[in-house]
Structure formats: C-alpha cells, structure tokens
C-alpha cells in the first residue's frame, strides 16, 4: 500500500510539474513570438526534466561531453527506459532538437512542450512512407537552422538486457547532413529502471559520451553497413560497461 501511495504521489507531482512547465513555456513562447525554441529547450525544458528526475529520486552523472553548440551533430543512444526522455532533456544538449515517438504527443503537457521546442514526432516502422517524409522534412529544417538533433536508432524498442536492433533513420540523417554522430550511452541501474512502465526507483544514471564519428565520407549506398558498425560499437560498449 505504501509503495502504491508513493507512486501516486510521485506521478501526480510529475504531471503537475509537466503541466506548469508547459504553461510557463507557452507564456514565454507567446511573449517571444515563438522565435526562441533553444531558450525554451535549455532554460525551461532542462529544469523541468531535472525536477521530474528529482521527484523520482534519480540523479545522473555525465562522463565526457557533448559537441560544442556551434558544431552540428547527430546524437544517438541506446533506449532502455521511459526515463530516457527526461534524462535527455535534463542534459540541455547544446542547440539540439529531438525525435520522439508520436504517441507521446497525445499526452497534453508533453505534446505542448514538444510543439514549442520543435520535436520531430515519428511514426512506427510499419509506415515507411510516412517515416521517409518525416526524416526528409527534418533534414531540410536542420540544414537551414544548423541545429543538432537527437534520436535513438533502437526506435520504440525498449530492452532491459541487451542492445536491440538498429533502425536506419539516424544514419540516413547523419549521411544527408554530413554531420558527425556523437554516441551516447544511458546506463540505468536495473533496480531503478522502470522499462516501459512509470514506476522508477531511486538511483544514479550514468550518461556516457564518446568521441564523434566522422560521417563526411559516408554514402547512402553504405547505409546498412554503417548502421551495423554503429550497432557493433554499442554492443561492445554495453559489454564494457556491464563489466565495470
């Protein structure tokens, strides 16, 4: 009973923070004519993410560093938990937009925040033509703005033990932009990891960055090969961190 009551209180507090944050972000966006999405992401969104993690007793430690704000990069990471979006927004990755699953925009506070910070909403793999148009639109926008972007090649797949299959979208986008890929690994303690659920438990998440991977010589014809090489990097990285 105590665990259930604790969950209800934490969930309610998280929803309240999301709602208040969305309204604050909307007010700021209206006052700035919706022209400063980076400010909304890094100055309002990041504290929202940190506060929600704190509500659940989650700390995080960063190992390494993201790319500088003036370098366009494609950030990729493993995807193991429903905590991932809050960790990612809390990091305030410099000048970075996000891809997230489209079903999340049905949750009104998240949907409003996503609209204001410029999230690219994706659809499941069984809609390849719609996905192609989403990624093409994202590439056009990112070429124009010079912003970085985050997306997980594991897509909607959430695994609690191993690295799942990788989709091609992340690597197609990096190839199109000629932007370096910055690998990230989210190391979430098993005892804290809610997986697909919402009941996170206190613990410390370790966020690891690796050196950027140069994609300037990548070709579309080599897309599957580059995807598989990146997945091999993650499988090896996963094993290394598990042994520490």
C-alpha atoms as a PDB file:
ATOM      1  CA  UNK A   1       0.000   0.000   0.000  1.00  0.00           C
ATOM      2  CA  UNK A   2       2.814   2.384   0.870  1.00  0.00           C
ATOM      3  CA  UNK A   3       4.513   1.687  -2.470  1.00  0.00           C
ATOM      4  CA  UNK A   4       1.283   2.336  -4.371  1.00  0.00           C
ATOM      5  CA  UNK A   5       0.615   5.554  -2.452  1.00  0.00           C
ATOM      6  CA  UNK A   6       4.210   6.676  -3.046  1.00  0.00           C
ATOM      7  CA  UNK A   7       3.817   6.040  -6.776  1.00  0.00           C
ATOM      8  CA  UNK A   8       0.578   8.016  -6.938  1.00  0.00           C
ATOM      9  CA  UNK A   9       2.128  10.984  -5.139  1.00  0.00           C
ATOM     10  CA  UNK A  10       5.244  10.994  -7.350  1.00  0.00           C
ATOM     11  CA  UNK A  11       3.235  10.540 -10.530  1.00  0.00           C
ATOM     12  CA  UNK A  12       0.887  13.350  -9.557  1.00  0.00           C
ATOM     13  CA  UNK A  13       3.798  15.637  -8.750  1.00  0.00           C
ATOM     14  CA  UNK A  14       5.445  14.807 -12.096  1.00  0.00           C
ATOM     15  CA  UNK A  15       2.257  15.563 -14.002  1.00  0.00           C
ATOM     16  CA  UNK A  16       1.877  18.840 -12.124  1.00  0.00           C
ATOM     17  CA  UNK A  17       5.454  19.844 -12.989  1.00  0.00           C
ATOM     18  CA  UNK A  18       4.900  18.978 -16.658  1.00  0.00           C
ATOM     19  CA  UNK A  19       1.676  20.942 -16.765  1.00  0.00           C
ATOM     20  CA  UNK A  20       3.104  24.001 -15.002  1.00  0.00           C
ATOM     21  CA  UNK A  21       6.231  23.834 -17.141  1.00  0.00           C
ATOM     22  CA  UNK A  22       4.196  23.597 -20.347  1.00  0.00           C
ATOM     23  CA  UNK A  23       2.148  26.655 -19.378  1.00  0.00           C
ATOM     24  CA  UNK A  24       5.269  28.614 -18.424  1.00  0.00           C
ATOM     25  CA  UNK A  25       6.910  27.644 -21.702  1.00  0.00           C
ATOM     26  CA  UNK A  26       3.800  28.666 -23.649  1.00  0.00           C
ATOM     27  CA  UNK A  27       3.714  32.060 -21.938  1.00  0.00           C
ATOM     28  CA  UNK A  28       7.387  32.576 -22.739  1.00  0.00           C
ATOM     29  CA  UNK A  29       6.860  31.471 -26.337  1.00  0.00           C
ATOM     30  CA  UNK A  30       3.958  33.873 -26.829  1.00  0.00           C
ATOM     31  CA  UNK A  31       5.955  36.762 -25.377  1.00  0.00           C
ATOM     32  CA  UNK A  32       8.868  35.980 -27.728  1.00  0.00           C
ATOM     33  CA  UNK A  33       6.650  35.304 -30.769  1.00  0.00           C
ATOM     34  CA  UNK A  34       7.720  31.624 -30.776  1.00  0.00           C
ATOM     35  CA  UNK A  35      11.140  32.658 -32.093  1.00  0.00           C
ATOM     36  CA  UNK A  36      13.500  31.243 -29.426  1.00  0.00           C
ATOM     37  CA  UNK A  37      12.952  27.458 -29.194  1.00  0.00           C
ATOM     38  CA  UNK A  38      16.515  26.912 -27.994  1.00  0.00           C
ATOM     39  CA  UNK A  39      15.756  29.068 -24.973  1.00  0.00           C
ATOM     40  CA  UNK A  40      12.617  27.007 -24.254  1.00  0.00           C
ATOM     41  CA  UNK A  41      14.567  23.754 -24.528  1.00  0.00           C
ATOM     42  CA  UNK A  42      17.620  24.659 -22.476  1.00  0.00           C
ATOM     43  CA  UNK A  43      16.339  27.251 -19.995  1.00  0.00           C
ATOM     44  CA  UNK A  44      12.865  25.894 -19.290  1.00  0.00           C
ATOM     45  CA  UNK A  45      12.781  22.304 -20.582  1.00  0.00           C
ATOM     46  CA  UNK A  46      16.037  21.210 -18.928  1.00  0.00           C
ATOM     47  CA  UNK A  47      14.962  22.284 -15.409  1.00  0.00           C
ATOM     48  CA  UNK A  48      11.633  20.500 -15.952  1.00  0.00           C
ATOM     49  CA  UNK A  49      13.480  17.284 -16.774  1.00  0.00           C
ATOM     50  CA  UNK A  50      15.791  17.647 -13.776  1.00  0.00           C
ATOM     51  CA  UNK A  51      12.923  18.322 -11.399  1.00  0.00           C
ATOM     52  CA  UNK A  52      10.971  15.275 -12.563  1.00  0.00           C
ATOM     53  CA  UNK A  53      14.045  13.079 -12.114  1.00  0.00           C
ATOM     54  CA  UNK A  54      14.451  14.508  -8.623  1.00  0.00           C
ATOM     55  CA  UNK A  55      10.830  13.694  -7.803  1.00  0.00           C
ATOM     56  CA  UNK A  56      11.607  10.047  -8.511  1.00  0.00           C
ATOM     57  CA  UNK A  57      14.902  10.146  -6.617  1.00  0.00           C
ATOM     58  CA  UNK A  58      17.004   9.889  -9.767  1.00  0.00           C
ATOM     59  CA  UNK A  59      20.430  11.523 -10.031  1.00  0.00           C
ATOM     60  CA  UNK A  60      22.654  11.465 -13.083  1.00  0.00           C
ATOM     61  CA  UNK A  61      26.372  11.756 -13.729  1.00  0.00           C
ATOM     62  CA  UNK A  62      27.858  12.761 -17.068  1.00  0.00           C
ATOM     63  CA  UNK A  63      31.050  11.170 -18.414  1.00  0.00           C
ATOM     64  CA  UNK A  64      32.518  13.021 -21.370  1.00  0.00           C
ATOM     65  CA  UNK A  65      30.854  15.967 -23.080  1.00  0.00           C
ATOM     66  CA  UNK A  66      28.531  16.783 -25.973  1.00  0.00           C
ATOM     67  CA  UNK A  67      29.651  18.610 -29.090  1.00  0.00           C
ATOM     68  CA  UNK A  68      30.067  22.410 -28.884  1.00  0.00           C
ATOM     69  CA  UNK A  69      26.980  24.461 -29.678  1.00  0.00           C
ATOM     70  CA  UNK A  70      28.464  25.707 -32.964  1.00  0.00           C
ATOM     71  CA  UNK A  71      29.002  22.143 -34.284  1.00  0.00           C
ATOM     72  CA  UNK A  72      26.010  20.421 -35.846  1.00  0.00           C
ATOM     73  CA  UNK A  73      25.885  16.839 -34.581  1.00  0.00           C
ATOM     74  CA  UNK A  74      23.587  13.842 -34.622  1.00  0.00           C
ATOM     75  CA  UNK A  75      23.353  12.385 -31.115  1.00  0.00           C
ATOM     76  CA  UNK A  76      22.364   8.742 -30.791  1.00  0.00           C
ATOM     77  CA  UNK A  77      21.947   6.497 -27.770  1.00  0.00           C
ATOM     78  CA  UNK A  78      20.558   3.221 -26.559  1.00  0.00           C
ATOM     79  CA  UNK A  79      16.910   3.269 -25.456  1.00  0.00           C
ATOM     80  CA  UNK A  80      16.157   1.243 -22.352  1.00  0.00           C
ATOM     81  CA  UNK A  81      13.633   3.114 -20.251  1.00  0.00           C
ATOM     82  CA  UNK A  82      10.729   5.536 -20.049  1.00  0.00           C
ATOM     83  CA  UNK A  83      13.179   7.707 -18.060  1.00  0.00           C
ATOM     84  CA  UNK A  84      15.243   8.382 -21.196  1.00  0.00           C
ATOM     85  CA  UNK A  85      13.334  11.475 -22.438  1.00  0.00           C
ATOM     86  CA  UNK A  86      13.623  13.199 -19.055  1.00  0.00           C
ATOM     87  CA  UNK A  87      17.343  12.467 -18.816  1.00  0.00           C
ATOM     88  CA  UNK A  88      17.915  13.749 -22.343  1.00  0.00           C
ATOM     89  CA  UNK A  89      16.016  16.992 -21.863  1.00  0.00           C
ATOM     90  CA  UNK A  90      17.723  17.498 -18.474  1.00  0.00           C
ATOM     91  CA  UNK A  91      21.142  17.394 -20.168  1.00  0.00           C
ATOM     92  CA  UNK A  92      20.404  20.580 -22.162  1.00  0.00           C
ATOM     93  CA  UNK A  93      22.352  19.295 -25.168  1.00  0.00           C
ATOM     94  CA  UNK A  94      23.578  22.449 -26.933  1.00  0.00           C
ATOM     95  CA  UNK A  95      21.254  23.720 -29.670  1.00  0.00           C
ATOM     96  CA  UNK A  96      19.689  20.279 -30.076  1.00  0.00           C
ATOM     97  CA  UNK A  97      16.264  19.145 -31.242  1.00  0.00           C
ATOM     98  CA  UNK A  98      14.776  15.702 -30.629  1.00  0.00           C
ATOM     99  CA  UNK A  99      12.954  12.891 -32.329  1.00  0.00           C
ATOM    100  CA  UNK A 100      10.317  11.246 -30.134  1.00  0.00           C
ATOM    101  CA  UNK A 101       7.602   8.694 -30.724  1.00  0.00           C
ATOM    102  CA  UNK A 102       4.428  10.358 -31.946  1.00  0.00           C
ATOM    103  CA  UNK A 103       2.192   8.637 -29.392  1.00  0.00           C
ATOM    104  CA  UNK A 104       3.702  10.843 -26.668  1.00  0.00           C
ATOM    105  CA  UNK A 105       2.162  13.979 -28.127  1.00  0.00           C
ATOM    106  CA  UNK A 106      -1.249  12.634 -27.127  1.00  0.00           C
ATOM    107  CA  UNK A 107      -0.253  13.466 -23.545  1.00  0.00           C
ATOM    108  CA  UNK A 108      -1.215  17.135 -23.493  1.00  0.00           C
ATOM    109  CA  UNK A 109       1.628  18.610 -21.403  1.00  0.00           C
ATOM    110  CA  UNK A 110       4.232  16.626 -23.361  1.00  0.00           C
ATOM    111  CA  UNK A 111       2.567  17.397 -26.665  1.00  0.00           C
ATOM    112  CA  UNK A 112       2.543  21.127 -25.975  1.00  0.00           C
ATOM    113  CA  UNK A 113       6.152  21.125 -24.783  1.00  0.00           C
ATOM    114  CA  UNK A 114       7.157  19.095 -27.840  1.00  0.00           C
ATOM    115  CA  UNK A 115       5.487  21.558 -30.180  1.00  0.00           C
ATOM    116  CA  UNK A 116       7.187  24.532 -28.534  1.00  0.00           C
ATOM    117  CA  UNK A 117      10.691  23.048 -28.530  1.00  0.00           C
ATOM    118  CA  UNK A 118      10.425  21.681 -32.068  1.00  0.00           C
ATOM    119  CA  UNK A 119      10.320  17.926 -31.571  1.00  0.00           C
ATOM    120  CA  UNK A 120      10.149  15.771 -34.688  1.00  0.00           C
ATOM    121  CA  UNK A 121       7.381  13.245 -33.993  1.00  0.00           C
ATOM    122  CA  UNK A 122       7.932   9.815 -35.528  1.00  0.00           C
ATOM    123  CA  UNK A 123       5.577   7.033 -36.545  1.00  0.00           C
ATOM    124  CA  UNK A 124       6.103   3.247 -36.217  1.00  0.00           C
ATOM    125  CA  UNK A 125       8.242   1.289 -38.656  1.00  0.00           C
ATOM    126  CA  UNK A 126       5.180  -0.171 -40.391  1.00  0.00           C
ATOM    127  CA  UNK A 127       4.597   3.221 -42.021  1.00  0.00           C
ATOM    128  CA  UNK A 128       7.797   3.561 -44.093  1.00  0.00           C
ATOM    129  CA  UNK A 129       6.497   6.235 -46.464  1.00  0.00           C
ATOM    130  CA  UNK A 130       5.365   8.486 -43.620  1.00  0.00           C
ATOM    131  CA  UNK A 131       8.690   7.954 -41.850  1.00  0.00           C
ATOM    132  CA  UNK A 132      10.568   8.849 -45.025  1.00  0.00           C
ATOM    133  CA  UNK A 133       8.676  12.144 -45.309  1.00  0.00           C
ATOM    134  CA  UNK A 134       9.303  12.935 -41.607  1.00  0.00           C
ATOM    135  CA  UNK A 135      13.049  12.391 -41.978  1.00  0.00           C
ATOM    136  CA  UNK A 136      13.240  14.334 -45.244  1.00  0.00           C
ATOM    137  CA  UNK A 137      11.444  17.269 -43.631  1.00  0.00           C
ATOM    138  CA  UNK A 138      13.774  17.092 -40.616  1.00  0.00           C
ATOM    139  CA  UNK A 139      16.843  17.101 -42.866  1.00  0.00           C
ATOM    140  CA  UNK A 140      15.591  20.196 -44.716  1.00  0.00           C
ATOM    141  CA  UNK A 141      14.940  22.043 -41.470  1.00  0.00           C
ATOM    142  CA  UNK A 142      18.233  21.065 -39.873  1.00  0.00           C
ATOM    143  CA  UNK A 143      20.232  22.088 -42.947  1.00  0.00           C
ATOM    144  CA  UNK A 144      18.613  25.503 -42.733  1.00  0.00           C
ATOM    145  CA  UNK A 145      18.963  26.003 -38.974  1.00  0.00           C
ATOM    146  CA  UNK A 146      22.293  24.253 -38.341  1.00  0.00           C
ATOM    147  CA  UNK A 147      20.816  22.710 -35.182  1.00  0.00           C
ATOM    148  CA  UNK A 148      21.951  19.376 -33.792  1.00  0.00           C
ATOM    149  CA  UNK A 149      19.486  16.543 -33.284  1.00  0.00           C
ATOM    150  CA  UNK A 150      18.997  13.537 -31.011  1.00  0.00           C
ATOM    151  CA  UNK A 151      17.349  10.244 -31.905  1.00  0.00           C
ATOM    152  CA  UNK A 152      17.686   6.640 -30.842  1.00  0.00           C
ATOM    153  CA  UNK A 153      18.407   4.029 -33.524  1.00  0.00           C
ATOM    154  CA  UNK A 154      16.608   1.499 -31.322  1.00  0.00           C
ATOM    155  CA  UNK A 155      13.416   3.455 -32.013  1.00  0.00           C
ATOM    156  CA  UNK A 156      10.487   2.431 -29.832  1.00  0.00           C
ATOM    157  CA  UNK A 157      12.119  -0.813 -28.774  1.00  0.00           C
ATOM    158  CA  UNK A 158      12.930  -0.824 -25.052  1.00  0.00           C
ATOM    159  CA  UNK A 159      15.271  -3.520 -23.807  1.00  0.00           C
ATOM    160  CA  UNK A 160      16.370  -4.307 -20.281  1.00  0.00           C
ATOM    161  CA  UNK A 161      19.308  -6.549 -21.053  1.00  0.00           C
ATOM    162  CA  UNK A 162      20.837  -6.222 -24.484  1.00  0.00           C
ATOM    163  CA  UNK A 163      21.158  -3.759 -27.356  1.00  0.00           C
ATOM    164  CA  UNK A 164      18.169  -4.087 -29.685  1.00  0.00           C
ATOM    165  CA  UNK A 165      18.165  -3.954 -33.499  1.00  0.00           C
ATOM    166  CA  UNK A 166      19.050  -0.572 -35.009  1.00  0.00           C
ATOM    167  CA  UNK A 167      16.871   1.331 -37.491  1.00  0.00           C
ATOM    168  CA  UNK A 168      18.455   3.155 -40.428  1.00  0.00           C
ATOM    169  CA  UNK A 169      16.894   6.573 -39.842  1.00  0.00           C
ATOM    170  CA  UNK A 170      19.604   8.001 -37.581  1.00  0.00           C
ATOM    171  CA  UNK A 171      22.364   7.081 -40.005  1.00  0.00           C
ATOM    172  CA  UNK A 172      20.468   8.204 -43.093  1.00  0.00           C
ATOM    173  CA  UNK A 173      20.006  11.604 -41.446  1.00  0.00           C
ATOM    174  CA  UNK A 174      23.679  11.859 -40.460  1.00  0.00           C
ATOM    175  CA  UNK A 175      24.672  10.916 -44.018  1.00  0.00           C
ATOM    176  CA  UNK A 176      22.356  13.533 -45.505  1.00  0.00           C
ATOM    177  CA  UNK A 177      23.601  16.275 -43.153  1.00  0.00           C
ATOM    178  CA  UNK A 178      27.277  15.239 -43.294  1.00  0.00           C
ATOM    179  CA  UNK A 179      27.169  15.801 -39.546  1.00  0.00           C
ATOM    180  CA  UNK A 180      29.243  13.792 -37.059  1.00  0.00           C
ATOM    181  CA  UNK A 181      27.473  11.193 -34.946  1.00  0.00           C
ATOM    182  CA  UNK A 182      28.036  11.612 -31.214  1.00  0.00           C
ATOM    183  CA  UNK A 183      27.423   8.258 -29.477  1.00  0.00           C
ATOM    184  CA  UNK A 184      25.798   8.376 -26.042  1.00  0.00           C
ATOM    185  CA  UNK A 185      25.099   5.520 -23.653  1.00  0.00           C
ATOM    186  CA  UNK A 186      22.483   5.766 -20.909  1.00  0.00           C
ATOM    187  CA  UNK A 187      23.484   3.399 -18.118  1.00  0.00           C
ATOM    188  CA  UNK A 188      20.458   2.937 -15.868  1.00  0.00           C
ATOM    189  CA  UNK A 189      20.711   0.685 -12.793  1.00  0.00           C
ATOM    190  CA  UNK A 190      18.437  -2.312 -13.132  1.00  0.00           C
ATOM    191  CA  UNK A 191      16.881  -1.608  -9.730  1.00  0.00           C
ATOM    192  CA  UNK A 192      15.885   1.900 -10.878  1.00  0.00           C
ATOM    193  CA  UNK A 193      14.812   1.065 -14.427  1.00  0.00           C
ATOM    194  CA  UNK A 194      11.029   1.106 -14.965  1.00  0.00           C
ATOM    195  CA  UNK A 195      11.408  -0.248 -18.519  1.00  0.00           C
ATOM    196  CA  UNK A 196       8.164   0.527 -20.331  1.00  0.00           C
ATOM    197  CA  UNK A 197       6.471   1.403 -17.051  1.00  0.00           C
ATOM    198  CA  UNK A 198       6.439   4.540 -14.955  1.00  0.00           C
ATOM    199  CA  UNK A 199       7.459   3.295 -11.525  1.00  0.00           C
ATOM    200  CA  UNK A 200      11.104   4.380 -11.366  1.00  0.00           C
ATOM    201  CA  UNK A 201      13.058   3.825  -8.179  1.00  0.00           C
ATOM    202  CA  UNK A 202      15.850   5.985  -6.752  1.00  0.00           C
ATOM    203  CA  UNK A 203      19.313   5.574  -8.212  1.00  0.00           C
ATOM    204  CA  UNK A 204      22.037   7.209 -10.293  1.00  0.00           C
ATOM    205  CA  UNK A 205      22.038   7.148 -14.093  1.00  0.00           C
ATOM    206  CA  UNK A 206      25.393   7.422 -15.827  1.00  0.00           C
ATOM    207  CA  UNK A 207      25.412   9.237 -19.171  1.00  0.00           C
ATOM    208  CA  UNK A 208      28.454   8.427 -21.295  1.00  0.00           C
ATOM    209  CA  UNK A 209      29.674  10.319 -24.371  1.00  0.00           C
ATOM    210  CA  UNK A 210      32.169   9.030 -26.906  1.00  0.00           C
ATOM    211  CA  UNK A 211      34.214  10.917 -29.478  1.00  0.00           C
ATOM    212  CA  UNK A 212      32.271  11.999 -32.573  1.00  0.00           C
ATOM    213  CA  UNK A 213      32.187   9.656 -35.561  1.00  0.00           C
ATOM    214  CA  UNK A 214      33.037  11.440 -38.820  1.00  0.00           C
ATOM    215  CA  UNK A 215      30.365  10.826 -41.479  1.00  0.00           C
ATOM    216  CA  UNK A 216      31.637  13.109 -44.257  1.00  0.00           C
ATOM    217  CA  UNK A 217      32.689  10.129 -46.373  1.00  0.00           C
ATOM    218  CA  UNK A 218      29.511   8.132 -45.737  1.00  0.00           C
ATOM    219  CA  UNK A 219      27.341   7.249 -48.730  1.00  0.00           C
ATOM    220  CA  UNK A 220      23.694   6.241 -48.863  1.00  0.00           C
ATOM    221  CA  UNK A 221      24.765   3.010 -50.549  1.00  0.00           C
ATOM    222  CA  UNK A 222      26.656   2.055 -47.381  1.00  0.00           C
ATOM    223  CA  UNK A 223      23.771   2.824 -45.033  1.00  0.00           C
ATOM    224  CA  UNK A 224      23.203  -0.728 -43.798  1.00  0.00           C
ATOM    225  CA  UNK A 225      26.945  -1.276 -43.304  1.00  0.00           C
ATOM    226  CA  UNK A 226      27.359   1.915 -41.270  1.00  0.00           C
ATOM    227  CA  UNK A 227      24.274   1.082 -39.211  1.00  0.00           C
ATOM    228  CA  UNK A 228      25.658  -2.352 -38.397  1.00  0.00           C
ATOM    229  CA  UNK A 229      29.061  -0.937 -37.483  1.00  0.00           C
ATOM    230  CA  UNK A 230      27.461   1.511 -35.075  1.00  0.00           C
ATOM    231  CA  UNK A 231      25.417  -1.253 -33.510  1.00  0.00           C
ATOM    232  CA  UNK A 232      28.588  -3.316 -33.034  1.00  0.00           C
ATOM    233  CA  UNK A 233      30.105  -0.317 -31.245  1.00  0.00           C
ATOM    234  CA  UNK A 234      27.125  -0.255 -28.874  1.00  0.00           C
ATOM    235  CA  UNK A 235      27.174  -3.991 -28.256  1.00  0.00           C
ATOM    236  CA  UNK A 236      30.859  -3.734 -27.316  1.00  0.00           C
ATOM    237  CA  UNK A 237      30.255  -0.606 -25.212  1.00  0.00           C
ATOM    238  CA  UNK A 238      27.354  -2.318 -23.445  1.00  0.00           C
ATOM    239  CA  UNK A 239      29.604  -5.263 -22.531  1.00  0.00           C
ATOM    240  CA  UNK A 240      32.385  -2.977 -21.290  1.00  0.00           C
ATOM    241  CA  UNK A 241      30.087  -1.001 -19.012  1.00  0.00           C
ATOM    242  CA  UNK A 242      28.391  -4.113 -17.693  1.00  0.00           C
ATOM    243  CA  UNK A 243      31.762  -5.473 -16.603  1.00  0.00           C
ATOM    244  CA  UNK A 244      32.743  -2.306 -14.698  1.00  0.00           C
END
